[in-house]
N, C-alpha and C. Protein backbone atom coordinates (compact mmCIF):
# COMPACT_ATOMS: atom_id res chain seq x y z
N HIS A 1 123.67 53.84 121.71
CA HIS A 1 124.94 54.08 122.38
C HIS A 1 126.10 54.13 121.39
N ASP A 2 125.94 53.61 120.17
CA ASP A 2 126.99 53.74 119.17
C ASP A 2 127.18 55.18 118.75
N ARG A 3 126.10 55.94 118.76
CA ARG A 3 126.16 57.34 118.30
C ARG A 3 126.20 58.31 119.46
N PHE A 4 125.35 58.07 120.47
CA PHE A 4 125.28 58.97 121.62
C PHE A 4 126.16 58.44 122.75
N LYS A 5 127.32 59.01 122.86
CA LYS A 5 128.31 58.57 123.85
C LYS A 5 129.22 59.75 124.17
N PRO A 6 129.92 59.69 125.28
CA PRO A 6 130.81 60.80 125.63
C PRO A 6 131.88 61.00 124.56
N GLY A 7 132.25 62.25 124.36
CA GLY A 7 133.30 62.59 123.41
C GLY A 7 134.09 63.77 123.95
N ASP A 8 134.86 64.38 123.11
CA ASP A 8 135.69 65.52 123.50
C ASP A 8 134.86 66.80 123.44
N PRO A 9 134.48 67.38 124.59
CA PRO A 9 133.67 68.61 124.56
C PRO A 9 134.38 69.77 123.87
N GLY A 10 135.69 69.86 124.05
CA GLY A 10 136.44 70.94 123.41
C GLY A 10 136.37 70.86 121.90
N ARG A 11 136.52 69.65 121.36
CA ARG A 11 136.43 69.48 119.91
C ARG A 11 135.02 69.80 119.42
N ALA A 12 134.01 69.35 120.19
CA ALA A 12 132.61 69.62 119.81
C ALA A 12 132.33 71.11 119.83
N ARG A 13 132.81 71.82 120.87
CA ARG A 13 132.58 73.26 120.93
C ARG A 13 133.25 73.97 119.77
N ALA A 14 134.45 73.52 119.41
CA ALA A 14 135.16 74.13 118.28
C ALA A 14 134.39 73.91 116.98
N GLU A 15 133.80 72.71 116.83
CA GLU A 15 133.04 72.42 115.62
C GLU A 15 131.77 73.26 115.55
N ILE A 16 131.07 73.39 116.67
CA ILE A 16 129.85 74.22 116.70
C ILE A 16 130.21 75.68 116.44
N ALA A 17 131.32 76.14 117.00
CA ALA A 17 131.76 77.52 116.77
C ALA A 17 132.09 77.74 115.29
N ARG A 18 132.75 76.76 114.68
CA ARG A 18 133.12 76.88 113.27
C ARG A 18 131.88 76.92 112.37
N ARG A 19 130.92 76.06 112.68
CA ARG A 19 129.73 75.97 111.82
C ARG A 19 128.73 77.09 112.06
N HIS A 20 128.58 77.49 113.33
CA HIS A 20 127.47 78.40 113.67
C HIS A 20 127.92 79.70 114.35
N GLY A 21 129.20 79.84 114.61
CA GLY A 21 129.69 81.07 115.23
C GLY A 21 129.38 81.21 116.70
N LEU A 22 129.00 80.11 117.36
CA LEU A 22 128.66 80.16 118.79
C LEU A 22 129.92 79.87 119.61
N ARG A 23 130.41 80.90 120.28
CA ARG A 23 131.66 80.75 121.03
C ARG A 23 131.47 80.95 122.54
N GLN A 24 130.23 81.13 122.95
CA GLN A 24 129.93 81.29 124.37
C GLN A 24 129.19 80.04 124.86
N PRO A 25 129.22 79.79 126.17
CA PRO A 25 128.47 78.64 126.69
C PRO A 25 126.98 78.81 126.40
N PHE A 26 126.29 77.69 126.22
CA PHE A 26 124.86 77.81 125.86
C PHE A 26 124.03 76.69 126.47
N PHE A 27 122.77 77.06 126.72
CA PHE A 27 121.72 76.09 127.05
C PHE A 27 121.16 75.59 125.73
N LEU A 28 120.86 74.30 125.67
CA LEU A 28 120.32 73.71 124.45
C LEU A 28 118.95 73.11 124.73
N TYR A 29 118.01 73.38 123.84
CA TYR A 29 116.71 72.70 123.88
C TYR A 29 116.50 72.07 122.51
N VAL A 30 116.43 70.74 122.44
CA VAL A 30 116.22 70.03 121.18
C VAL A 30 114.78 69.54 121.16
N SER A 31 113.99 70.15 120.31
CA SER A 31 112.58 69.79 120.19
C SER A 31 111.99 70.53 119.01
N ARG A 32 110.99 69.97 118.37
CA ARG A 32 110.32 70.73 117.32
C ARG A 32 109.74 71.99 117.94
N LEU A 33 109.69 73.06 117.14
CA LEU A 33 109.17 74.33 117.64
C LEU A 33 107.65 74.29 117.58
N GLU A 34 107.06 73.79 118.66
CA GLU A 34 105.62 73.60 118.75
C GLU A 34 105.09 74.37 119.96
N HIS A 35 104.10 75.20 119.72
CA HIS A 35 103.50 76.00 120.79
C HIS A 35 102.04 75.59 120.96
N PRO A 36 101.59 75.36 122.22
CA PRO A 36 102.31 75.59 123.48
C PRO A 36 102.94 74.34 124.09
N ALA A 37 102.74 73.16 123.48
CA ALA A 37 103.07 71.89 124.16
C ALA A 37 104.52 71.79 124.59
N LYS A 38 105.44 72.31 123.79
CA LYS A 38 106.86 72.16 124.11
C LYS A 38 107.39 73.27 125.02
N ASN A 39 106.55 74.25 125.29
CA ASN A 39 106.85 75.26 126.31
C ASN A 39 108.05 76.14 125.99
N HIS A 40 108.26 76.42 124.71
CA HIS A 40 109.32 77.37 124.36
C HIS A 40 109.04 78.75 124.94
N ALA A 41 107.74 79.09 125.03
CA ALA A 41 107.39 80.41 125.55
C ALA A 41 107.87 80.56 127.00
N GLY A 42 107.64 79.54 127.82
CA GLY A 42 108.09 79.59 129.20
C GLY A 42 109.59 79.64 129.31
N LEU A 43 110.27 78.88 128.46
CA LEU A 43 111.73 78.86 128.49
C LEU A 43 112.31 80.21 128.06
N ILE A 44 111.76 80.81 127.03
CA ILE A 44 112.26 82.11 126.57
C ILE A 44 112.07 83.17 127.65
N GLU A 45 110.91 83.18 128.30
CA GLU A 45 110.67 84.15 129.37
C GLU A 45 111.62 83.89 130.54
N ALA A 46 111.85 82.62 130.87
CA ALA A 46 112.79 82.30 131.95
C ALA A 46 114.21 82.74 131.58
N PHE A 47 114.59 82.54 130.32
CA PHE A 47 115.91 82.97 129.86
C PHE A 47 116.04 84.49 129.96
N ASN A 48 114.98 85.20 129.60
CA ASN A 48 114.99 86.67 129.74
C ASN A 48 115.25 87.07 131.19
N ARG A 49 114.57 86.42 132.11
CA ARG A 49 114.75 86.74 133.53
C ARG A 49 116.15 86.40 134.00
N PHE A 50 116.63 85.24 133.57
CA PHE A 50 117.99 84.81 133.92
C PHE A 50 119.03 85.82 133.45
N LYS A 51 118.91 86.26 132.20
CA LYS A 51 119.88 87.21 131.64
C LYS A 51 119.80 88.55 132.35
N ALA A 52 118.58 89.03 132.62
CA ALA A 52 118.41 90.32 133.28
C ALA A 52 118.99 90.31 134.69
N ALA A 53 118.85 89.18 135.37
CA ALA A 53 119.31 89.10 136.76
C ALA A 53 120.80 88.85 136.87
N THR A 54 121.38 88.13 135.91
CA THR A 54 122.77 87.69 136.05
C THR A 54 123.75 88.37 135.10
N ARG A 55 123.23 88.88 133.97
CA ARG A 55 124.10 89.42 132.90
C ARG A 55 125.12 88.37 132.45
N SER A 56 124.70 87.11 132.51
CA SER A 56 125.56 85.99 132.14
C SER A 56 125.80 85.99 130.62
N PRO A 57 126.96 85.50 130.19
CA PRO A 57 127.23 85.40 128.75
C PRO A 57 126.56 84.19 128.09
N TRP A 58 125.91 83.33 128.87
CA TRP A 58 125.31 82.13 128.31
C TRP A 58 124.25 82.47 127.27
N LEU A 59 124.18 81.63 126.24
CA LEU A 59 123.20 81.76 125.16
C LEU A 59 122.12 80.69 125.31
N LEU A 60 121.07 80.83 124.50
CA LEU A 60 120.01 79.82 124.43
C LEU A 60 119.89 79.37 122.98
N VAL A 61 120.00 78.06 122.76
CA VAL A 61 119.88 77.48 121.42
C VAL A 61 118.62 76.62 121.38
N LEU A 62 117.73 76.92 120.44
CA LEU A 62 116.48 76.17 120.27
C LEU A 62 116.56 75.40 118.96
N GLY A 63 116.98 74.14 119.05
CA GLY A 63 117.17 73.33 117.85
C GLY A 63 115.94 72.53 117.51
N GLY A 64 115.42 72.68 116.29
CA GLY A 64 114.26 71.90 115.89
C GLY A 64 113.51 72.55 114.74
N SER A 65 112.75 71.74 114.03
CA SER A 65 111.97 72.23 112.89
C SER A 65 110.74 72.99 113.36
N ASP A 66 110.28 73.90 112.51
CA ASP A 66 109.03 74.60 112.79
C ASP A 66 107.86 73.62 112.77
N TRP A 67 106.94 73.81 113.71
CA TRP A 67 105.75 72.97 113.82
C TRP A 67 104.58 73.88 114.12
N HIS A 68 103.47 73.33 114.60
CA HIS A 68 102.30 74.14 114.88
C HIS A 68 102.64 75.21 115.93
N GLY A 69 102.34 76.46 115.60
CA GLY A 69 102.59 77.55 116.54
C GLY A 69 104.00 78.09 116.51
N ALA A 70 104.82 77.64 115.56
CA ALA A 70 106.22 78.09 115.51
C ALA A 70 106.32 79.59 115.33
N GLU A 71 105.34 80.18 114.63
CA GLU A 71 105.40 81.63 114.40
C GLU A 71 105.33 82.40 115.72
N ILE A 72 104.62 81.84 116.70
CA ILE A 72 104.54 82.49 118.02
C ILE A 72 105.90 82.45 118.70
N ILE A 73 106.58 81.32 118.58
CA ILE A 73 107.91 81.18 119.19
C ILE A 73 108.90 82.15 118.55
N HIS A 74 108.89 82.24 117.24
CA HIS A 74 109.80 83.17 116.55
C HIS A 74 109.50 84.62 116.94
N ALA A 75 108.22 84.93 117.12
CA ALA A 75 107.86 86.29 117.54
C ALA A 75 108.38 86.58 118.95
N LEU A 76 108.30 85.60 119.83
CA LEU A 76 108.82 85.78 121.18
C LEU A 76 110.34 85.98 121.19
N ILE A 77 111.02 85.28 120.30
CA ILE A 77 112.47 85.47 120.18
C ILE A 77 112.77 86.89 119.73
N ARG A 78 112.04 87.38 118.72
CA ARG A 78 112.29 88.73 118.21
C ARG A 78 112.01 89.79 119.27
N LYS A 79 110.99 89.55 120.10
CA LYS A 79 110.61 90.53 121.12
C LYS A 79 111.51 90.49 122.35
N SER A 80 112.27 89.44 122.49
CA SER A 80 113.12 89.32 123.67
C SER A 80 114.17 90.43 123.71
N PRO A 81 114.40 91.04 124.89
CA PRO A 81 115.48 92.02 124.99
C PRO A 81 116.85 91.39 124.82
N PHE A 82 116.88 90.05 124.82
CA PHE A 82 118.13 89.33 124.64
C PHE A 82 118.08 88.46 123.38
N SER A 83 117.36 88.96 122.38
CA SER A 83 117.18 88.18 121.15
C SER A 83 118.51 87.85 120.48
N ALA A 84 119.50 88.70 120.65
CA ALA A 84 120.81 88.43 120.04
C ALA A 84 121.49 87.22 120.67
N ASP A 85 121.01 86.82 121.84
CA ASP A 85 121.59 85.67 122.54
C ASP A 85 120.74 84.41 122.42
N ILE A 86 119.72 84.45 121.55
CA ILE A 86 118.87 83.28 121.32
C ILE A 86 119.06 82.85 119.87
N PHE A 87 119.46 81.62 119.67
CA PHE A 87 119.80 81.11 118.35
C PHE A 87 118.89 79.94 118.00
N SER A 88 118.28 80.02 116.82
CA SER A 88 117.38 78.95 116.37
C SER A 88 117.90 78.41 115.04
N PRO A 89 118.67 77.31 115.09
CA PRO A 89 119.31 76.80 113.86
C PRO A 89 118.39 75.99 112.97
N GLY A 90 117.13 75.76 113.39
CA GLY A 90 116.23 74.94 112.60
C GLY A 90 116.48 73.46 112.83
N PHE A 91 116.10 72.65 111.86
CA PHE A 91 116.25 71.20 111.99
C PHE A 91 117.72 70.83 112.22
N VAL A 92 117.96 69.97 113.20
CA VAL A 92 119.31 69.49 113.49
C VAL A 92 119.44 68.06 112.98
N PRO A 93 120.29 67.82 111.97
CA PRO A 93 120.46 66.45 111.45
C PRO A 93 120.92 65.50 112.54
N ASP A 94 120.48 64.25 112.44
CA ASP A 94 120.82 63.26 113.45
C ASP A 94 122.32 63.15 113.66
N ASP A 95 123.09 63.23 112.58
CA ASP A 95 124.54 63.07 112.70
C ASP A 95 125.19 64.22 113.46
N ASP A 96 124.51 65.37 113.52
CA ASP A 96 125.07 66.53 114.21
C ASP A 96 124.69 66.58 115.69
N LEU A 97 123.67 65.83 116.07
CA LEU A 97 123.16 65.92 117.45
C LEU A 97 124.23 65.64 118.51
N PRO A 98 125.04 64.58 118.37
CA PRO A 98 126.03 64.32 119.42
C PRO A 98 126.95 65.51 119.69
N ASP A 99 127.38 66.21 118.64
CA ASP A 99 128.25 67.37 118.85
C ASP A 99 127.52 68.49 119.58
N TRP A 100 126.23 68.69 119.27
CA TRP A 100 125.47 69.71 119.97
C TRP A 100 125.38 69.38 121.46
N TYR A 101 125.10 68.11 121.77
CA TYR A 101 125.01 67.70 123.17
C TYR A 101 126.35 67.86 123.88
N ARG A 102 127.43 67.44 123.23
CA ARG A 102 128.75 67.52 123.87
C ARG A 102 129.21 68.95 124.05
N ALA A 103 128.80 69.83 123.15
CA ALA A 103 129.23 71.22 123.22
C ALA A 103 128.39 72.05 124.21
N ALA A 104 127.16 71.63 124.45
CA ALA A 104 126.25 72.43 125.28
C ALA A 104 126.69 72.45 126.74
N GLY A 105 126.43 73.59 127.39
CA GLY A 105 126.66 73.66 128.82
C GLY A 105 125.64 72.84 129.58
N ALA A 106 124.43 72.76 129.03
CA ALA A 106 123.37 71.95 129.62
C ALA A 106 122.23 71.83 128.63
N LEU A 107 121.52 70.70 128.68
CA LEU A 107 120.25 70.55 127.96
C LEU A 107 119.15 70.97 128.91
N VAL A 108 118.27 71.85 128.46
CA VAL A 108 117.11 72.25 129.25
C VAL A 108 115.87 71.75 128.51
N TYR A 109 115.05 70.95 129.20
CA TYR A 109 113.92 70.29 128.54
C TYR A 109 112.64 70.53 129.34
N PRO A 110 112.00 71.70 129.13
CA PRO A 110 110.83 72.07 129.93
C PRO A 110 109.49 71.72 129.30
N SER A 111 109.44 70.64 128.53
CA SER A 111 108.24 70.28 127.80
C SER A 111 107.06 70.04 128.74
N LEU A 112 105.88 70.45 128.29
CA LEU A 112 104.66 70.26 129.08
C LEU A 112 104.04 68.88 128.87
N PHE A 113 104.41 68.21 127.79
CA PHE A 113 103.86 66.88 127.52
C PHE A 113 104.85 66.06 126.72
N GLU A 114 105.14 64.85 127.19
CA GLU A 114 106.02 63.93 126.47
C GLU A 114 105.52 62.51 126.66
N GLY A 115 105.54 61.73 125.57
CA GLY A 115 105.24 60.32 125.68
C GLY A 115 106.43 59.57 126.26
N PHE A 116 107.64 59.94 125.80
CA PHE A 116 108.86 59.33 126.36
C PHE A 116 109.90 60.42 126.58
N GLY A 117 110.42 61.03 125.53
CA GLY A 117 111.39 62.10 125.67
C GLY A 117 112.82 61.61 125.49
N MET A 118 113.23 61.44 124.23
CA MET A 118 114.56 60.93 123.95
C MET A 118 115.70 61.94 124.19
N PRO A 119 115.53 63.23 123.86
CA PRO A 119 116.68 64.14 124.00
C PRO A 119 117.35 64.15 125.37
N PRO A 120 116.62 64.13 126.50
CA PRO A 120 117.35 64.10 127.77
C PRO A 120 118.25 62.87 127.90
N LEU A 121 117.78 61.73 127.43
CA LEU A 121 118.58 60.50 127.53
C LEU A 121 119.77 60.56 126.57
N GLU A 122 119.55 61.07 125.36
CA GLU A 122 120.65 61.22 124.40
C GLU A 122 121.71 62.16 124.95
N ALA A 123 121.26 63.28 125.55
CA ALA A 123 122.20 64.25 126.11
C ALA A 123 123.01 63.62 127.24
N MET A 124 122.34 62.90 128.13
CA MET A 124 123.06 62.23 129.23
C MET A 124 124.12 61.29 128.68
N ALA A 125 123.78 60.51 127.67
CA ALA A 125 124.72 59.55 127.10
C ALA A 125 125.95 60.24 126.53
N CYS A 126 125.80 61.50 126.11
CA CYS A 126 126.91 62.26 125.55
C CYS A 126 127.67 63.06 126.61
N GLY A 127 127.24 62.96 127.87
CA GLY A 127 127.92 63.68 128.94
C GLY A 127 127.47 65.11 129.12
N CYS A 128 126.24 65.41 128.68
CA CYS A 128 125.69 66.76 128.82
C CYS A 128 124.80 66.83 130.06
N PRO A 129 125.01 67.79 130.95
CA PRO A 129 124.11 67.96 132.11
C PRO A 129 122.69 68.24 131.63
N VAL A 130 121.72 67.77 132.39
CA VAL A 130 120.32 67.89 131.97
C VAL A 130 119.47 68.51 133.07
N VAL A 131 118.65 69.49 132.67
CA VAL A 131 117.57 70.04 133.50
C VAL A 131 116.28 69.70 132.77
N SER A 132 115.35 69.02 133.43
CA SER A 132 114.19 68.53 132.69
C SER A 132 112.91 68.58 133.52
N ALA A 133 111.82 68.78 132.81
CA ALA A 133 110.50 68.58 133.40
C ALA A 133 110.33 67.10 133.70
N THR A 134 109.31 66.77 134.46
CA THR A 134 109.04 65.36 134.78
C THR A 134 107.65 64.96 134.27
N GLU A 135 107.10 65.74 133.33
CA GLU A 135 105.78 65.45 132.79
C GLU A 135 105.79 64.14 131.99
N GLY A 136 104.62 63.47 131.93
CA GLY A 136 104.52 62.23 131.17
C GLY A 136 105.51 61.20 131.69
N ALA A 137 106.27 60.62 130.76
CA ALA A 137 107.26 59.60 131.13
C ALA A 137 108.62 60.20 131.49
N LEU A 138 108.75 61.53 131.41
CA LEU A 138 110.07 62.14 131.61
C LEU A 138 110.65 61.85 132.99
N GLY A 139 109.78 61.80 134.01
CA GLY A 139 110.28 61.52 135.35
C GLY A 139 111.00 60.19 135.42
N GLU A 140 110.44 59.17 134.76
CA GLU A 140 111.09 57.86 134.75
C GLU A 140 112.33 57.86 133.87
N VAL A 141 112.30 58.64 132.80
CA VAL A 141 113.44 58.69 131.89
C VAL A 141 114.66 59.29 132.57
N ILE A 142 114.48 60.41 133.28
CA ILE A 142 115.64 61.10 133.85
C ILE A 142 116.07 60.53 135.20
N GLY A 143 115.15 59.87 135.91
CA GLY A 143 115.49 59.31 137.22
C GLY A 143 116.06 60.38 138.15
N ASP A 144 117.17 60.04 138.81
CA ASP A 144 117.85 60.98 139.71
C ASP A 144 119.07 61.60 139.06
N ALA A 145 119.19 61.46 137.74
CA ALA A 145 120.40 61.90 137.06
C ALA A 145 120.28 63.27 136.42
N ALA A 146 119.17 63.96 136.64
CA ALA A 146 118.97 65.31 136.09
C ALA A 146 118.35 66.18 137.16
N GLU A 147 118.45 67.48 136.95
CA GLU A 147 117.79 68.43 137.84
C GLU A 147 116.34 68.60 137.38
N PRO A 148 115.35 68.27 138.22
CA PRO A 148 113.96 68.43 137.82
C PRO A 148 113.55 69.90 137.86
N VAL A 149 112.60 70.26 137.01
CA VAL A 149 112.12 71.63 136.97
C VAL A 149 110.61 71.61 136.74
N ASP A 150 109.92 72.57 137.34
CA ASP A 150 108.48 72.72 137.12
C ASP A 150 108.28 73.50 135.84
N PRO A 151 107.81 72.86 134.75
CA PRO A 151 107.71 73.55 133.47
C PRO A 151 106.66 74.66 133.45
N ARG A 152 105.76 74.63 134.43
CA ARG A 152 104.71 75.66 134.47
C ARG A 152 105.12 76.85 135.33
N SER A 153 106.32 76.82 135.86
CA SER A 153 106.82 77.93 136.68
C SER A 153 108.02 78.57 135.99
N VAL A 154 107.81 79.74 135.41
CA VAL A 154 108.91 80.48 134.77
C VAL A 154 110.00 80.78 135.80
N ALA A 155 109.58 81.09 137.02
CA ALA A 155 110.54 81.41 138.08
C ALA A 155 111.44 80.20 138.38
N ASP A 156 110.86 79.01 138.40
CA ASP A 156 111.64 77.81 138.69
C ASP A 156 112.61 77.51 137.54
N ILE A 157 112.17 77.68 136.30
CA ILE A 157 113.07 77.47 135.17
C ILE A 157 114.23 78.46 135.23
N ALA A 158 113.92 79.73 135.49
CA ALA A 158 114.97 80.76 135.57
C ALA A 158 115.94 80.44 136.69
N ARG A 159 115.42 79.96 137.81
CA ARG A 159 116.28 79.63 138.95
C ARG A 159 117.23 78.49 138.58
N GLN A 160 116.73 77.49 137.87
CA GLN A 160 117.57 76.36 137.48
C GLN A 160 118.61 76.78 136.43
N LEU A 161 118.24 77.68 135.55
CA LEU A 161 119.22 78.18 134.58
C LEU A 161 120.39 78.85 135.32
N ALA A 162 120.06 79.66 136.30
CA ALA A 162 121.11 80.35 137.07
C ALA A 162 121.98 79.35 137.84
N ARG A 163 121.35 78.34 138.42
CA ARG A 163 122.11 77.32 139.17
C ARG A 163 123.08 76.60 138.26
N ILE A 164 122.59 76.14 137.13
CA ILE A 164 123.43 75.37 136.21
C ILE A 164 124.57 76.22 135.67
N ALA A 165 124.25 77.44 135.25
CA ALA A 165 125.28 78.30 134.66
C ALA A 165 126.35 78.69 135.67
N GLY A 166 125.97 78.78 136.94
CA GLY A 166 126.90 79.30 137.94
C GLY A 166 127.59 78.26 138.80
N ASP A 167 127.36 76.98 138.53
CA ASP A 167 127.89 75.95 139.42
C ASP A 167 128.60 74.86 138.62
N ASP A 168 129.91 74.98 138.48
CA ASP A 168 130.69 73.99 137.73
C ASP A 168 130.58 72.60 138.36
N ALA A 169 130.59 72.55 139.70
CA ALA A 169 130.53 71.26 140.40
C ALA A 169 129.21 70.56 140.13
N LEU A 170 128.12 71.31 140.08
CA LEU A 170 126.81 70.73 139.79
C LEU A 170 126.80 70.16 138.38
N ARG A 171 127.32 70.90 137.43
CA ARG A 171 127.35 70.39 136.05
C ARG A 171 128.18 69.11 135.96
N GLN A 172 129.30 69.06 136.66
CA GLN A 172 130.12 67.87 136.61
C GLN A 172 129.41 66.68 137.25
N ARG A 173 128.72 66.93 138.35
CA ARG A 173 127.97 65.86 139.00
C ARG A 173 126.89 65.31 138.07
N LEU A 174 126.20 66.20 137.37
CA LEU A 174 125.15 65.77 136.46
C LEU A 174 125.72 65.03 135.26
N ARG A 175 126.88 65.46 134.77
CA ARG A 175 127.53 64.73 133.67
C ARG A 175 127.79 63.28 134.07
N THR A 176 128.41 63.12 135.23
CA THR A 176 128.77 61.77 135.69
C THR A 176 127.52 60.91 135.92
N ALA A 177 126.53 61.47 136.61
CA ALA A 177 125.31 60.73 136.89
C ALA A 177 124.56 60.40 135.61
N GLY A 178 124.56 61.33 134.66
CA GLY A 178 123.84 61.11 133.41
C GLY A 178 124.42 59.99 132.58
N ILE A 179 125.74 59.93 132.49
CA ILE A 179 126.39 58.88 131.72
C ILE A 179 126.06 57.51 132.31
N VAL A 180 126.12 57.40 133.63
CA VAL A 180 125.80 56.13 134.29
C VAL A 180 124.33 55.77 134.05
N HIS A 181 123.45 56.74 134.22
CA HIS A 181 122.01 56.49 134.07
C HIS A 181 121.67 56.08 132.64
N ALA A 182 122.22 56.79 131.66
CA ALA A 182 121.91 56.47 130.26
C ALA A 182 122.39 55.08 129.89
N GLY A 183 123.46 54.62 130.55
CA GLY A 183 123.97 53.28 130.26
C GLY A 183 123.01 52.18 130.60
N ARG A 184 122.02 52.48 131.45
CA ARG A 184 121.02 51.47 131.81
C ARG A 184 119.99 51.27 130.71
N PHE A 185 119.92 52.20 129.76
CA PHE A 185 118.93 52.12 128.69
C PHE A 185 119.57 51.48 127.47
N ASP A 186 119.65 50.18 127.49
CA ASP A 186 120.20 49.41 126.38
C ASP A 186 119.03 48.80 125.62
N TRP A 187 118.81 49.27 124.40
CA TRP A 187 117.60 48.86 123.67
C TRP A 187 117.63 47.38 123.31
N THR A 188 118.82 46.79 123.14
CA THR A 188 118.89 45.36 122.84
C THR A 188 118.39 44.56 124.03
N ARG A 189 118.86 44.94 125.24
CA ARG A 189 118.40 44.25 126.45
C ARG A 189 116.91 44.48 126.67
N ALA A 190 116.45 45.71 126.41
CA ALA A 190 115.04 46.02 126.61
C ALA A 190 114.17 45.19 125.67
N ALA A 191 114.59 45.05 124.41
CA ALA A 191 113.82 44.26 123.45
C ALA A 191 113.78 42.79 123.85
N ALA A 192 114.92 42.27 124.32
CA ALA A 192 114.98 40.87 124.75
C ALA A 192 114.06 40.63 125.94
N ALA A 193 114.04 41.58 126.88
CA ALA A 193 113.19 41.44 128.06
C ALA A 193 111.71 41.47 127.65
N ALA A 194 111.38 42.36 126.70
CA ALA A 194 109.99 42.45 126.24
C ALA A 194 109.56 41.15 125.55
N LEU A 195 110.45 40.59 124.73
CA LEU A 195 110.13 39.32 124.06
C LEU A 195 109.93 38.20 125.06
N GLU A 196 110.71 38.22 126.12
CA GLU A 196 110.57 37.18 127.15
C GLU A 196 109.20 37.29 127.83
N VAL A 197 108.76 38.50 128.10
CA VAL A 197 107.44 38.71 128.70
C VAL A 197 106.35 38.19 127.77
N TYR A 198 106.45 38.53 126.47
CA TYR A 198 105.46 38.07 125.51
C TYR A 198 105.44 36.54 125.42
N ALA A 199 106.65 35.93 125.45
CA ALA A 199 106.74 34.48 125.36
C ALA A 199 106.08 33.82 126.55
N ARG A 200 106.31 34.38 127.75
CA ARG A 200 105.68 33.81 128.94
C ARG A 200 104.17 33.95 128.87
N ALA A 201 103.70 35.11 128.40
CA ALA A 201 102.26 35.34 128.30
C ALA A 201 101.63 34.37 127.29
N ALA A 202 102.34 34.14 126.16
CA ALA A 202 101.82 33.23 125.14
C ALA A 202 101.78 31.80 125.67
N ALA A 203 102.83 31.41 126.39
CA ALA A 203 102.87 30.06 126.95
C ALA A 203 101.75 29.85 127.96
N ALA A 204 101.50 30.89 128.77
CA ALA A 204 100.44 30.79 129.78
C ALA A 204 99.07 30.67 129.12
N SER A 205 98.87 31.39 128.01
CA SER A 205 97.56 31.35 127.35
C SER A 205 97.32 29.99 126.70
N VAL A 206 98.39 29.35 126.22
CA VAL A 206 98.26 28.03 125.59
C VAL A 206 97.94 26.97 126.63
N SER A 207 98.60 27.07 127.79
CA SER A 207 98.40 26.06 128.83
C SER A 207 97.12 26.26 129.62
N GLU A 208 96.51 27.45 129.53
CA GLU A 208 95.29 27.74 130.27
C GLU A 208 94.13 26.97 129.66
N PRO A 209 93.41 26.16 130.42
CA PRO A 209 92.27 25.42 129.85
C PRO A 209 91.19 26.38 129.39
N VAL A 210 90.55 26.02 128.29
CA VAL A 210 89.49 26.86 127.75
C VAL A 210 88.24 26.70 128.60
N ARG A 211 87.73 27.82 129.07
CA ARG A 211 86.51 27.77 129.90
C ARG A 211 85.33 28.28 129.09
N ARG A 212 84.30 27.49 129.07
CA ARG A 212 83.10 27.90 128.35
C ARG A 212 82.32 28.84 129.25
N SER A 213 81.82 29.87 128.67
CA SER A 213 81.03 30.82 129.45
C SER A 213 79.61 30.31 129.63
N ALA A 214 78.85 30.99 130.43
CA ALA A 214 77.45 30.60 130.68
C ALA A 214 76.60 30.77 129.43
N TRP A 215 77.16 31.47 128.43
CA TRP A 215 76.38 31.72 127.22
C TRP A 215 76.61 30.66 126.16
N GLY A 216 77.41 29.63 126.50
CA GLY A 216 77.57 28.57 125.52
C GLY A 216 79.01 28.35 125.13
């Protein structure tokens, strides 16, 4: 929370525009470029459909280092009829992440598999609206503070892109809900609670009488 917190979106957008030339609203996906697990292919196809149907000025930013299958993702970007509106800046330094979240119109996180999924929570803490899959632990991470999306349905992703881009009130509602929700994830409190559980378990094991098994 020291780093990921609400800030001035206008200042963040100006900084992103200065550094990267992005002056239009954009969807952001922060994840290593890994195919197929991170589902960049589905997101790119959904973005193509969204752009074809709406002619919206919104861009798509795919922030992250190349990983297994990245060449497939880059090929899909090149083949897109809207490739000029898809930006892949590569690895995003930790210090730059808050500005990306604050500047983005929304974080879209359609991953097919996640153990936890930090970017949706980081984005919420910065006041960025979130659209996310609920695979793995993501459903518990986002709670009711994000718009859920079926990552295996290109049509559903495209529909959510159109909703988010076209509804200022929805984005504002998600910003407010996300900030409140992210505030519940305090790692100091979580660590203290975990230690308390371990302490109780250790105390119980010490006080439990040793039982000899039938084998001696």
